[in-house]
C-alpha atoms as a PDB file:
ATOM      1  CA  UNK A   1      29.709  19.778  10.419  1.00  0.00           C
ATOM      2  CA  UNK A   2      26.264  19.263  11.157  1.00  0.00           C
ATOM      3  CA  UNK A   3      23.772  16.218   9.960  1.00  0.00           C
ATOM      4  CA  UNK A   4      22.206  19.014   8.407  1.00  0.00           C
ATOM      5  CA  UNK A   5      24.343  20.355   5.937  1.00  0.00           C
ATOM      6  CA  UNK A   6      25.593  16.306   5.079  1.00  0.00           C
ATOM      7  CA  UNK A   7      21.864  15.968   4.209  1.00  0.00           C
ATOM      8  CA  UNK A   8      21.481  16.826   0.296  1.00  0.00           C
ATOM      9  CA  UNK A   9      18.761  19.106  -0.953  1.00  0.00           C
ATOM     10  CA  UNK A  10      15.240  16.873  -1.847  1.00  0.00           C
ATOM     11  CA  UNK A  11      14.763  16.770  -5.614  1.00  0.00           C
ATOM     12  CA  UNK A  12      12.211  18.206  -7.486  1.00  0.00           C
ATOM     13  CA  UNK A  13       9.510  15.510  -8.617  1.00  0.00           C
ATOM     14  CA  UNK A  14       7.313  16.236 -11.751  1.00  0.00           C
ATOM     15  CA  UNK A  15       3.635  15.848 -11.685  1.00  0.00           C
ATOM     16  CA  UNK A  16       3.319  12.163 -12.785  1.00  0.00           C
ATOM     17  CA  UNK A  17       5.755  11.376  -9.824  1.00  0.00           C
ATOM     18  CA  UNK A  18       3.241  13.037  -7.340  1.00  0.00           C
ATOM     19  CA  UNK A  19       0.125  11.628  -9.044  1.00  0.00           C
ATOM     20  CA  UNK A  20       1.353   7.756  -9.046  1.00  0.00           C
ATOM     21  CA  UNK A  21       2.575   8.591  -5.157  1.00  0.00           C
ATOM     22  CA  UNK A  22      -0.697  10.124  -4.567  1.00  0.00           C
ATOM     23  CA  UNK A  23      -2.497   6.855  -5.871  1.00  0.00           C
ATOM     24  CA  UNK A  24      -0.682   4.711  -4.010  1.00  0.00           C
ATOM     25  CA  UNK A  25      -1.189   7.260  -0.765  1.00  0.00           C
ATOM     26  CA  UNK A  26      -4.955   6.410  -1.234  1.00  0.00           C
ATOM     27  CA  UNK A  27      -4.746   2.304  -2.947  1.00  0.00           C
ATOM     28  CA  UNK A  28      -2.926   1.584   0.205  1.00  0.00           C
ATOM     29  CA  UNK A  29      -4.758   1.841   2.961  1.00  0.00           C
ATOM     30  CA  UNK A  30      -7.595   1.175   1.021  1.00  0.00           C
ATOM     31  CA  UNK A  31      -6.393  -2.118   0.248  1.00  0.00           C
ATOM     32  CA  UNK A  32      -5.505  -2.976   3.877  1.00  0.00           C
ATOM     33  CA  UNK A  33      -9.183  -2.350   4.885  1.00  0.00           C
ATOM     34  CA  UNK A  34     -10.780  -3.943   2.651  1.00  0.00           C
ATOM     35  CA  UNK A  35      -8.268  -7.409   3.011  1.00  0.00           C
ATOM     36  CA  UNK A  36      -9.584  -6.345   6.425  1.00  0.00           C
ATOM     37  CA  UNK A  37     -13.432  -6.650   5.571  1.00  0.00           C
ATOM     38  CA  UNK A  38     -12.396  -9.814   3.215  1.00  0.00           C
ATOM     39  CA  UNK A  39     -11.204 -11.609   6.666  1.00  0.00           C
ATOM     40  CA  UNK A  40     -14.341 -10.980   8.425  1.00  0.00           C
ATOM     41  CA  UNK A  41     -16.805 -11.728   5.824  1.00  0.00           C
ATOM     42  CA  UNK A  42     -15.034 -15.294   4.847  1.00  0.00           C
ATOM     43  CA  UNK A  43     -14.002 -16.255   8.252  1.00  0.00           C
ATOM     44  CA  UNK A  44     -15.182 -13.886  11.365  1.00  0.00           C
ATOM     45  CA  UNK A  45     -13.309 -12.366  13.919  1.00  0.00           C
ATOM     46  CA  UNK A  46      -9.999 -14.741  13.040  1.00  0.00           C
ATOM     47  CA  UNK A  47     -10.718 -13.389   9.797  1.00  0.00           C
ATOM     48  CA  UNK A  48      -9.637 -10.325  10.942  1.00  0.00           C
ATOM     49  CA  UNK A  49      -6.647 -11.156  12.722  1.00  0.00           C
ATOM     50  CA  UNK A  50      -5.458 -13.383   9.811  1.00  0.00           C
ATOM     51  CA  UNK A  51      -5.983 -10.214   7.591  1.00  0.00           C
ATOM     52  CA  UNK A  52      -4.722  -8.001   9.570  1.00  0.00           C
ATOM     53  CA  UNK A  53      -1.416 -10.102   9.994  1.00  0.00           C
ATOM     54  CA  UNK A  54      -1.721 -10.444   6.325  1.00  0.00           C
ATOM     55  CA  UNK A  55      -1.823  -6.152   5.956  1.00  0.00           C
ATOM     56  CA  UNK A  56       1.554  -5.767   8.672  1.00  0.00           C
ATOM     57  CA  UNK A  57       3.476  -8.066   6.185  1.00  0.00           C
ATOM     58  CA  UNK A  58       2.378  -6.731   2.985  1.00  0.00           C
ATOM     59  CA  UNK A  59       3.168  -3.089   4.922  1.00  0.00           C
ATOM     60  CA  UNK A  60       6.233  -4.718   6.241  1.00  0.00           C
ATOM     61  CA  UNK A  61       7.404  -5.468   2.711  1.00  0.00           C
ATOM     62  CA  UNK A  62       6.825  -2.407   0.882  1.00  0.00           C
ATOM     63  CA  UNK A  63       8.895  -1.337   3.315  1.00  0.00           C
ATOM     64  CA  UNK A  64      11.774  -3.191   3.108  1.00  0.00           C
ATOM     65  CA  UNK A  65      11.656  -3.232  -0.196  1.00  0.00           C
ATOM     66  CA  UNK A  66      11.718   0.587  -1.094  1.00  0.00           C
ATOM     67  CA  UNK A  67      13.246   2.069   2.939  1.00  0.00           C
ATOM     68  CA  UNK A  68      10.411   4.601   3.079  1.00  0.00           C
ATOM     69  CA  UNK A  69       6.743   4.652   3.555  1.00  0.00           C
ATOM     70  CA  UNK A  70       5.922   6.850   0.000  1.00  0.00           C
ATOM     71  CA  UNK A  71       9.232   7.196  -2.290  1.00  0.00           C
ATOM     72  CA  UNK A  72       9.889  10.206  -4.191  1.00  0.00           C
ATOM     73  CA  UNK A  73      10.790   8.071  -7.456  1.00  0.00           C
ATOM     74  CA  UNK A  74       7.569   5.464  -7.313  1.00  0.00           C
ATOM     75  CA  UNK A  75       6.986   3.113 -10.377  1.00  0.00           C
ATOM     76  CA  UNK A  76       4.408   2.523 -12.654  1.00  0.00           C
ATOM     77  CA  UNK A  77       4.563  -1.206 -11.933  1.00  0.00           C
ATOM     78  CA  UNK A  78       4.350  -0.495  -8.109  1.00  0.00           C
ATOM     79  CA  UNK A  79       1.146   1.258  -8.932  1.00  0.00           C
ATOM     80  CA  UNK A  80      -0.473  -0.822 -11.256  1.00  0.00           C
ATOM     81  CA  UNK A  81       0.671  -4.330  -8.811  1.00  0.00           C
ATOM     82  CA  UNK A  82      -1.147  -2.533  -6.295  1.00  0.00           C
ATOM     83  CA  UNK A  83      -3.802  -1.696  -8.123  1.00  0.00           C
ATOM     84  CA  UNK A  84      -4.001  -5.593  -9.496  1.00  0.00           C
ATOM     85  CA  UNK A  85      -3.887  -6.739  -5.763  1.00  0.00           C
ATOM     86  CA  UNK A  86      -6.332  -4.031  -4.381  1.00  0.00           C
ATOM     87  CA  UNK A  87      -8.930  -4.928  -7.230  1.00  0.00           C
ATOM     88  CA  UNK A  88      -8.510  -8.797  -6.477  1.00  0.00           C
ATOM     89  CA  UNK A  89      -9.547  -8.000  -2.989  1.00  0.00           C
ATOM     90  CA  UNK A  90     -12.423  -6.026  -3.832  1.00  0.00           C
ATOM     91  CA  UNK A  91     -13.761  -7.915  -6.195  1.00  0.00           C
ATOM     92  CA  UNK A  92     -12.973 -10.933  -3.595  1.00  0.00           C
ATOM     93  CA  UNK A  93     -15.504  -9.528  -1.105  1.00  0.00           C
ATOM     94  CA  UNK A  94     -17.980  -8.629  -3.208  1.00  0.00           C
ATOM     95  CA  UNK A  95     -18.273 -11.757  -4.872  1.00  0.00           C
ATOM     96  CA  UNK A  96     -18.275 -13.336  -1.310  1.00  0.00           C
ATOM     97  CA  UNK A  97     -20.973 -11.082  -0.305  1.00  0.00           C
ATOM     98  CA  UNK A  98     -23.661 -11.672  -2.837  1.00  0.00           C
END
């Protein structure tokens, strides 16, 4: 028996699950980019290095928590938590620029 025969068929997802996955797929890179920009605005090039380490740590934590980058079953709490985190980073960036 081959590996392909042992692999279960993927489960169909609902529209709300797809929307949550799409929102996360947009928020994660946007949040990482905003974090890099915030690091540059605060400290300069060294801030970008620190922010890159922070963004890599965020990605590493996410991957270890869900065992994949974009899990099939995304919870609403994950979307809300990521949205709040990105909103705080964006707010800090706009406050530090003005």
